[in-house]
């Protein structure tokens, strides 16, 4: 199945032991340096969102995961993001939950200069657009609730 070149896929990485979420800070080598985000990126023309995310996790964090470790967690586009004030963010945004028992130290590539495990009430302030949208629509709260059910 082919997806729009502008589509993106992001991982909401949740440590269930500490109830924290992993964020990365964009490096000076990238556009929008200093902005914090979920890990992920653009879906290439020949990829599904899952394939793109698995590639991005390997490139950006140095971690290898499989499709069965990703829980499809949300998709927004068009009017669904316009009401949040993101009128120019009309591409498809695919979110996946990746649970980990404990916090880990990722092997960041050149795209990120730092990482942080954050509690919901203490998130970085300068979030990129796809991350801000994911937070706005309650995906972190949804992940925390799901962790409490298991």
N, C-alpha and C. Protein backbone atom coordinates (compact mmCIF):
# COMPACT_ATOMS: atom_id res chain seq x y z
N UNK A 1 0.84 -1.18 0.00
CA UNK A 1 0.00 0.00 0.00
C UNK A 1 0.89 1.24 0.00
N UNK A 2 0.62 2.16 -0.89
CA UNK A 2 1.42 3.38 -1.01
C UNK A 2 0.78 4.51 -0.21
N UNK A 3 1.63 5.38 0.35
CA UNK A 3 1.14 6.50 1.13
C UNK A 3 1.71 7.78 0.57
N UNK A 4 1.05 8.88 0.85
CA UNK A 4 1.49 10.20 0.44
C UNK A 4 2.93 10.44 0.87
N UNK A 5 3.74 10.98 -0.04
CA UNK A 5 5.15 11.27 0.25
C UNK A 5 5.28 12.15 1.49
N UNK A 6 4.31 12.97 1.77
CA UNK A 6 4.37 13.88 2.90
C UNK A 6 3.95 13.24 4.22
N UNK A 7 3.49 12.01 4.17
CA UNK A 7 3.07 11.34 5.41
C UNK A 7 4.27 11.17 6.33
N UNK A 8 3.99 11.10 7.62
CA UNK A 8 5.04 10.89 8.61
C UNK A 8 4.61 9.85 9.62
N UNK A 9 5.59 9.20 10.24
CA UNK A 9 5.31 8.18 11.26
C UNK A 9 6.21 8.44 12.47
N UNK A 10 5.61 8.42 13.66
CA UNK A 10 6.34 8.72 14.89
C UNK A 10 6.05 7.70 15.96
N UNK A 11 7.06 7.47 16.79
CA UNK A 11 6.94 6.52 17.90
C UNK A 11 6.74 7.27 19.21
N UNK A 12 5.73 6.87 19.93
CA UNK A 12 5.56 7.31 21.30
C UNK A 12 6.17 6.20 22.13
N UNK A 13 7.39 6.44 22.62
CA UNK A 13 8.14 5.42 23.34
C UNK A 13 7.90 5.62 24.82
N UNK A 14 7.28 4.63 25.45
CA UNK A 14 6.81 4.74 26.82
C UNK A 14 7.52 3.71 27.70
N UNK A 15 8.21 4.18 28.73
CA UNK A 15 8.78 3.29 29.73
C UNK A 15 7.70 3.03 30.77
N UNK A 16 7.25 1.79 30.83
CA UNK A 16 6.16 1.46 31.76
C UNK A 16 6.62 1.44 33.21
N UNK A 17 7.89 1.17 33.45
CA UNK A 17 8.40 1.13 34.83
C UNK A 17 8.42 2.51 35.47
N UNK A 18 8.74 3.52 34.67
CA UNK A 18 8.87 4.88 35.22
C UNK A 18 7.75 5.81 34.77
N UNK A 19 6.87 5.33 33.88
CA UNK A 19 5.80 6.12 33.29
C UNK A 19 6.36 7.40 32.66
N UNK A 20 7.43 7.23 31.88
CA UNK A 20 8.06 8.35 31.17
C UNK A 20 8.05 8.08 29.67
N UNK A 21 8.27 9.15 28.91
CA UNK A 21 8.24 9.10 27.45
C UNK A 21 9.55 9.65 26.91
N UNK A 22 10.04 9.06 25.82
CA UNK A 22 11.32 9.44 25.24
C UNK A 22 11.14 10.52 24.18
N UNK A 23 11.91 11.60 24.34
CA UNK A 23 11.94 12.70 23.39
C UNK A 23 13.38 12.93 22.93
N UNK A 24 13.54 13.44 21.72
CA UNK A 24 14.85 13.80 21.20
C UNK A 24 14.88 15.28 20.85
N UNK A 25 16.05 15.91 21.03
CA UNK A 25 16.22 17.32 20.66
C UNK A 25 17.00 17.38 19.35
N UNK A 26 16.44 18.08 18.36
CA UNK A 26 17.06 18.20 17.04
C UNK A 26 18.42 18.87 17.16
N UNK A 27 19.38 18.34 16.43
CA UNK A 27 20.75 18.87 16.48
C UNK A 27 20.89 20.10 15.60
N UNK A 28 21.98 20.88 15.79
CA UNK A 28 22.24 22.05 14.95
C UNK A 28 22.43 21.69 13.47
N UNK A 29 22.71 20.43 13.16
CA UNK A 29 22.90 20.00 11.77
C UNK A 29 21.58 19.87 11.02
N UNK A 30 20.45 19.94 11.73
CA UNK A 30 19.14 19.70 11.13
C UNK A 30 18.32 20.99 11.05
N UNK A 31 17.25 20.94 10.24
CA UNK A 31 16.33 22.07 10.27
C UNK A 31 15.60 22.06 11.61
N UNK A 32 15.18 23.20 12.05
CA UNK A 32 14.52 23.36 13.35
C UNK A 32 15.38 22.83 14.51
N UNK A 33 16.64 23.27 14.59
CA UNK A 33 17.51 22.79 15.68
C UNK A 33 16.96 23.21 17.04
N UNK A 34 17.18 22.35 18.03
CA UNK A 34 16.75 22.64 19.39
C UNK A 34 15.32 22.26 19.70
N UNK A 35 14.55 21.91 18.67
CA UNK A 35 13.16 21.51 18.87
C UNK A 35 13.12 20.06 19.36
N UNK A 36 12.22 19.78 20.28
CA UNK A 36 12.06 18.43 20.84
C UNK A 36 10.97 17.69 20.07
N UNK A 37 11.15 16.39 19.91
CA UNK A 37 10.18 15.62 19.15
C UNK A 37 10.15 14.15 19.56
N UNK A 38 9.07 13.48 19.11
CA UNK A 38 9.03 12.03 19.12
C UNK A 38 10.01 11.59 18.04
N UNK A 39 10.50 10.38 18.12
CA UNK A 39 11.40 9.88 17.08
C UNK A 39 10.57 9.33 15.92
N UNK A 40 11.04 9.57 14.71
CA UNK A 40 10.34 9.14 13.51
C UNK A 40 10.62 10.10 12.39
N UNK A 41 9.78 10.09 11.37
CA UNK A 41 9.99 10.99 10.25
C UNK A 41 9.12 10.66 9.06
N UNK A 42 9.57 11.09 7.89
CA UNK A 42 8.79 10.95 6.66
C UNK A 42 8.68 9.49 6.21
N UNK A 43 7.52 9.20 5.64
CA UNK A 43 7.27 7.91 5.03
C UNK A 43 7.67 8.02 3.56
N UNK A 44 8.64 7.23 3.15
CA UNK A 44 9.06 7.24 1.74
C UNK A 44 7.97 6.62 0.87
N UNK A 45 8.00 6.92 -0.43
CA UNK A 45 6.96 6.49 -1.37
C UNK A 45 6.77 4.98 -1.39
N UNK A 46 7.82 4.22 -1.16
CA UNK A 46 7.73 2.76 -1.24
C UNK A 46 7.55 2.10 0.13
N UNK A 47 7.22 2.87 1.16
CA UNK A 47 7.11 2.34 2.52
C UNK A 47 5.71 2.47 3.08
N UNK A 48 5.38 1.57 4.00
CA UNK A 48 4.20 1.75 4.84
C UNK A 48 4.65 2.60 6.03
N UNK A 49 3.72 3.18 6.78
CA UNK A 49 4.12 3.92 7.98
C UNK A 49 4.93 3.07 8.97
N UNK A 50 4.54 1.79 9.12
CA UNK A 50 5.29 0.91 10.03
C UNK A 50 6.72 0.71 9.56
N UNK A 51 6.90 0.46 8.27
CA UNK A 51 8.24 0.27 7.71
C UNK A 51 9.09 1.53 7.90
N UNK A 52 8.48 2.68 7.64
CA UNK A 52 9.21 3.94 7.80
C UNK A 52 9.65 4.13 9.24
N UNK A 53 8.76 3.85 10.17
CA UNK A 53 9.10 4.05 11.58
C UNK A 53 10.20 3.09 12.03
N UNK A 54 10.13 1.85 11.63
CA UNK A 54 11.18 0.90 11.99
C UNK A 54 12.54 1.35 11.44
N UNK A 55 12.55 1.88 10.21
CA UNK A 55 13.78 2.42 9.63
C UNK A 55 14.28 3.61 10.44
N UNK A 56 13.38 4.53 10.76
CA UNK A 56 13.75 5.74 11.51
C UNK A 56 14.28 5.38 12.91
N UNK A 57 13.67 4.42 13.58
CA UNK A 57 14.14 4.02 14.91
C UNK A 57 15.56 3.46 14.84
N UNK A 58 15.83 2.70 13.81
CA UNK A 58 17.18 2.16 13.63
C UNK A 58 18.18 3.28 13.35
N UNK A 59 17.82 4.20 12.45
CA UNK A 59 18.72 5.30 12.08
C UNK A 59 18.94 6.27 13.23
N UNK A 60 17.86 6.72 13.86
CA UNK A 60 17.94 7.80 14.83
C UNK A 60 18.32 7.36 16.24
N UNK A 61 17.92 6.14 16.63
CA UNK A 61 18.13 5.67 18.00
C UNK A 61 19.07 4.49 18.11
N UNK A 62 19.35 3.86 16.98
CA UNK A 62 20.18 2.67 17.02
C UNK A 62 19.48 1.47 17.62
N UNK A 63 18.14 1.43 17.53
CA UNK A 63 17.40 0.29 18.07
C UNK A 63 16.67 -0.44 16.94
N UNK A 64 16.61 -1.72 17.05
CA UNK A 64 15.90 -2.55 16.08
C UNK A 64 14.65 -3.11 16.75
N UNK A 65 13.54 -2.88 16.12
CA UNK A 65 12.27 -3.41 16.60
C UNK A 65 11.56 -4.07 15.43
N UNK A 66 10.47 -4.76 15.73
CA UNK A 66 9.69 -5.44 14.70
C UNK A 66 8.28 -4.86 14.67
N UNK A 67 7.58 -5.13 13.58
CA UNK A 67 6.21 -4.62 13.43
C UNK A 67 5.32 -5.01 14.61
N UNK A 68 5.49 -6.23 15.11
CA UNK A 68 4.61 -6.69 16.18
C UNK A 68 4.88 -5.97 17.51
N UNK A 69 5.95 -5.22 17.60
CA UNK A 69 6.23 -4.43 18.80
C UNK A 69 5.61 -3.03 18.72
N UNK A 70 5.09 -2.67 17.55
CA UNK A 70 4.45 -1.36 17.36
C UNK A 70 2.94 -1.51 17.47
N UNK A 71 2.33 -0.67 18.26
CA UNK A 71 0.88 -0.63 18.37
C UNK A 71 0.40 0.61 17.64
N UNK A 72 -0.37 0.40 16.57
CA UNK A 72 -0.93 1.56 15.83
C UNK A 72 -1.75 2.36 16.83
N UNK A 73 -1.42 3.64 16.95
CA UNK A 73 -1.94 4.40 18.08
C UNK A 73 -2.76 5.62 17.69
N UNK A 74 -2.66 6.03 16.46
CA UNK A 74 -3.44 7.17 16.03
C UNK A 74 -3.00 7.64 14.66
N UNK A 75 -3.93 8.27 13.95
CA UNK A 75 -3.64 8.85 12.65
C UNK A 75 -4.49 10.11 12.55
N UNK A 76 -3.87 11.19 12.14
CA UNK A 76 -4.62 12.42 11.93
C UNK A 76 -4.18 13.06 10.61
N UNK A 77 -5.08 13.81 10.02
CA UNK A 77 -4.77 14.57 8.82
C UNK A 77 -5.87 15.56 8.57
N UNK A 78 -5.61 16.50 7.69
CA UNK A 78 -6.62 17.45 7.23
C UNK A 78 -7.36 18.15 8.34
N UNK A 79 -8.68 18.05 8.29
CA UNK A 79 -9.55 18.77 9.23
C UNK A 79 -9.28 18.38 10.68
N UNK A 80 -8.80 17.16 10.89
CA UNK A 80 -8.53 16.69 12.25
C UNK A 80 -7.45 17.53 12.93
N UNK A 81 -6.53 18.11 12.16
CA UNK A 81 -5.50 18.96 12.77
C UNK A 81 -5.79 20.45 12.58
N UNK A 82 -6.64 20.78 11.62
CA UNK A 82 -6.99 22.19 11.41
C UNK A 82 -7.62 22.80 12.66
N UNK A 83 -8.49 22.05 13.34
CA UNK A 83 -9.16 22.60 14.52
C UNK A 83 -8.18 22.83 15.67
N UNK A 84 -6.98 22.24 15.59
CA UNK A 84 -5.95 22.47 16.61
C UNK A 84 -5.10 23.69 16.28
N UNK A 85 -5.40 24.34 15.14
CA UNK A 85 -4.65 25.52 14.74
C UNK A 85 -3.48 25.22 13.82
N UNK A 86 -3.41 24.01 13.29
CA UNK A 86 -2.32 23.63 12.40
C UNK A 86 -2.83 23.54 10.96
N UNK A 87 -3.30 24.66 10.42
CA UNK A 87 -3.91 24.65 9.09
C UNK A 87 -2.96 24.21 8.00
N UNK A 88 -1.66 24.42 8.18
CA UNK A 88 -0.73 24.03 7.14
C UNK A 88 -0.17 22.63 7.36
N UNK A 89 -0.70 21.89 8.31
CA UNK A 89 -0.22 20.53 8.60
C UNK A 89 -1.22 19.51 8.08
N UNK A 90 -1.43 19.51 6.78
CA UNK A 90 -2.48 18.67 6.21
C UNK A 90 -2.00 17.28 5.81
N UNK A 91 -0.75 16.95 6.07
CA UNK A 91 -0.28 15.61 5.72
C UNK A 91 -0.76 14.60 6.75
N UNK A 92 -0.67 13.34 6.38
CA UNK A 92 -1.05 12.28 7.31
C UNK A 92 0.01 12.13 8.39
N UNK A 93 -0.43 12.04 9.62
CA UNK A 93 0.46 11.84 10.76
C UNK A 93 0.09 10.51 11.39
N UNK A 94 1.02 9.56 11.35
CA UNK A 94 0.79 8.22 11.91
C UNK A 94 1.58 8.09 13.20
N UNK A 95 0.90 7.66 14.26
CA UNK A 95 1.53 7.50 15.56
C UNK A 95 1.45 6.03 15.98
N UNK A 96 2.55 5.57 16.58
CA UNK A 96 2.63 4.20 17.06
C UNK A 96 3.17 4.22 18.48
N UNK A 97 2.63 3.33 19.30
CA UNK A 97 3.12 3.18 20.67
C UNK A 97 4.16 2.08 20.68
N UNK A 98 5.29 2.36 21.29
CA UNK A 98 6.35 1.38 21.50
C UNK A 98 6.62 1.35 23.00
N UNK A 99 6.26 0.24 23.63
CA UNK A 99 6.46 0.12 25.08
C UNK A 99 7.82 -0.49 25.36
N UNK A 100 8.43 0.00 26.41
CA UNK A 100 9.66 -0.58 26.90
C UNK A 100 9.52 -0.68 28.41
N UNK A 101 10.04 -1.73 28.98
CA UNK A 101 9.88 -1.88 30.42
C UNK A 101 10.65 -0.79 31.16
N UNK A 102 11.89 -0.57 30.75
CA UNK A 102 12.74 0.40 31.45
C UNK A 102 13.26 1.46 30.49
N UNK A 103 13.64 2.58 31.04
CA UNK A 103 14.30 3.61 30.25
C UNK A 103 15.62 3.04 29.74
N UNK A 104 16.02 3.44 28.56
CA UNK A 104 17.30 3.02 28.00
C UNK A 104 18.01 4.24 27.43
N UNK A 105 19.29 4.10 27.19
CA UNK A 105 20.06 5.19 26.59
C UNK A 105 20.23 4.91 25.10
N UNK A 106 19.57 5.69 24.25
CA UNK A 106 19.67 5.44 22.81
C UNK A 106 21.04 5.87 22.25
N UNK A 107 21.40 5.27 21.13
CA UNK A 107 22.59 5.70 20.38
C UNK A 107 22.11 6.68 19.32
N UNK A 108 22.14 7.96 19.65
CA UNK A 108 21.62 8.99 18.75
C UNK A 108 22.52 9.17 17.54
N UNK A 109 21.92 9.40 16.37
CA UNK A 109 22.71 9.75 15.21
C UNK A 109 22.82 11.27 15.14
N UNK A 110 23.32 11.79 14.04
CA UNK A 110 23.56 13.23 13.88
C UNK A 110 22.29 14.08 13.93
N UNK A 111 21.12 13.48 13.78
CA UNK A 111 19.88 14.24 13.74
C UNK A 111 19.47 14.80 15.10
N UNK A 112 19.95 14.18 16.17
CA UNK A 112 19.58 14.61 17.52
C UNK A 112 20.83 14.85 18.37
N UNK A 113 20.76 15.89 19.20
CA UNK A 113 21.90 16.23 20.06
C UNK A 113 21.68 15.80 21.51
N UNK A 114 20.45 15.44 21.85
CA UNK A 114 20.15 15.05 23.23
C UNK A 114 18.85 14.25 23.24
N UNK A 115 18.64 13.55 24.34
CA UNK A 115 17.38 12.85 24.56
C UNK A 115 16.98 13.07 26.01
N UNK A 116 15.70 12.86 26.29
CA UNK A 116 15.20 12.98 27.66
C UNK A 116 13.99 12.08 27.83
N UNK A 117 13.94 11.41 28.99
CA UNK A 117 12.76 10.66 29.40
C UNK A 117 11.94 11.60 30.27
N UNK A 118 10.70 11.86 29.86
CA UNK A 118 9.89 12.89 30.53
C UNK A 118 8.56 12.34 31.02
N UNK A 119 8.14 12.85 32.17
CA UNK A 119 6.79 12.57 32.69
C UNK A 119 5.81 13.48 31.96
N UNK A 120 4.56 13.11 31.94
CA UNK A 120 3.55 13.89 31.23
C UNK A 120 3.51 15.34 31.71
N UNK A 121 3.62 15.59 32.98
CA UNK A 121 3.55 16.95 33.50
C UNK A 121 4.83 17.76 33.34
N UNK A 122 5.88 17.15 32.82
CA UNK A 122 7.18 17.83 32.69
C UNK A 122 7.76 17.64 31.29
N UNK A 123 6.95 17.89 30.27
CA UNK A 123 7.40 17.73 28.89
C UNK A 123 8.23 18.93 28.45
N UNK A 124 9.12 18.72 27.48
CA UNK A 124 9.85 19.87 26.92
C UNK A 124 8.85 20.89 26.35
N UNK A 125 9.21 22.15 26.39
CA UNK A 125 8.30 23.21 25.93
C UNK A 125 8.33 23.43 24.42
N UNK A 126 9.46 23.26 23.81
CA UNK A 126 9.62 23.57 22.39
C UNK A 126 9.46 22.29 21.57
N UNK A 127 8.20 21.90 21.29
CA UNK A 127 7.92 20.65 20.56
C UNK A 127 7.71 20.93 19.08
N UNK A 128 8.16 19.98 18.24
CA UNK A 128 7.87 20.13 16.82
C UNK A 128 6.38 19.87 16.59
N UNK A 129 5.92 20.23 15.39
CA UNK A 129 4.49 20.17 15.09
C UNK A 129 3.89 18.78 15.26
N UNK A 130 4.44 17.71 14.64
CA UNK A 130 3.80 16.39 14.81
C UNK A 130 3.76 15.94 16.27
N UNK A 131 4.78 16.29 17.04
CA UNK A 131 4.81 15.91 18.45
C UNK A 131 3.77 16.70 19.23
N UNK A 132 3.70 18.00 18.98
CA UNK A 132 2.70 18.84 19.66
C UNK A 132 1.29 18.37 19.36
N UNK A 133 1.04 17.95 18.13
CA UNK A 133 -0.28 17.44 17.77
C UNK A 133 -0.57 16.15 18.53
N UNK A 134 0.39 15.23 18.56
CA UNK A 134 0.21 13.97 19.29
C UNK A 134 -0.09 14.20 20.76
N UNK A 135 0.62 15.16 21.37
CA UNK A 135 0.37 15.50 22.77
C UNK A 135 -1.02 16.13 22.91
N UNK A 136 -1.38 17.04 21.98
CA UNK A 136 -2.68 17.74 22.04
C UNK A 136 -3.86 16.80 21.97
N UNK A 137 -3.72 15.74 21.19
CA UNK A 137 -4.86 14.82 21.04
C UNK A 137 -4.85 13.72 22.10
N UNK A 138 -3.95 13.82 23.08
CA UNK A 138 -4.00 12.96 24.26
C UNK A 138 -3.31 11.61 24.14
N UNK A 139 -2.39 11.47 23.20
CA UNK A 139 -1.76 10.16 23.01
C UNK A 139 -0.89 9.73 24.19
N UNK A 140 -0.26 10.67 24.89
CA UNK A 140 0.55 10.28 26.06
C UNK A 140 -0.35 9.79 27.19
N UNK A 141 -1.45 10.47 27.41
CA UNK A 141 -2.39 10.04 28.44
C UNK A 141 -2.98 8.67 28.10
N UNK A 142 -3.28 8.46 26.82
CA UNK A 142 -3.80 7.18 26.38
C UNK A 142 -2.79 6.07 26.64
N UNK A 143 -1.50 6.33 26.37
CA UNK A 143 -0.44 5.33 26.61
C UNK A 143 -0.34 5.01 28.10
N UNK A 144 -0.39 6.04 28.93
CA UNK A 144 -0.30 5.82 30.38
C UNK A 144 -1.49 5.02 30.89
N UNK A 145 -2.68 5.31 30.37
CA UNK A 145 -3.87 4.55 30.77
C UNK A 145 -3.76 3.09 30.36
N UNK A 146 -3.29 2.84 29.14
CA UNK A 146 -3.13 1.47 28.66
C UNK A 146 -2.12 0.70 29.52
N UNK A 147 -1.05 1.36 29.93
CA UNK A 147 -0.04 0.71 30.76
C UNK A 147 -0.62 0.31 32.11
N UNK A 148 -1.55 1.12 32.62
CA UNK A 148 -2.18 0.81 33.89
C UNK A 148 -3.13 -0.36 33.82
N UNK A 149 -3.58 -0.70 32.61
CA UNK A 149 -4.51 -1.82 32.42
C UNK A 149 -3.81 -3.15 32.28
N UNK A 150 -2.50 -3.12 32.04
CA UNK A 150 -1.79 -4.39 31.81
C UNK A 150 -1.18 -4.93 33.08
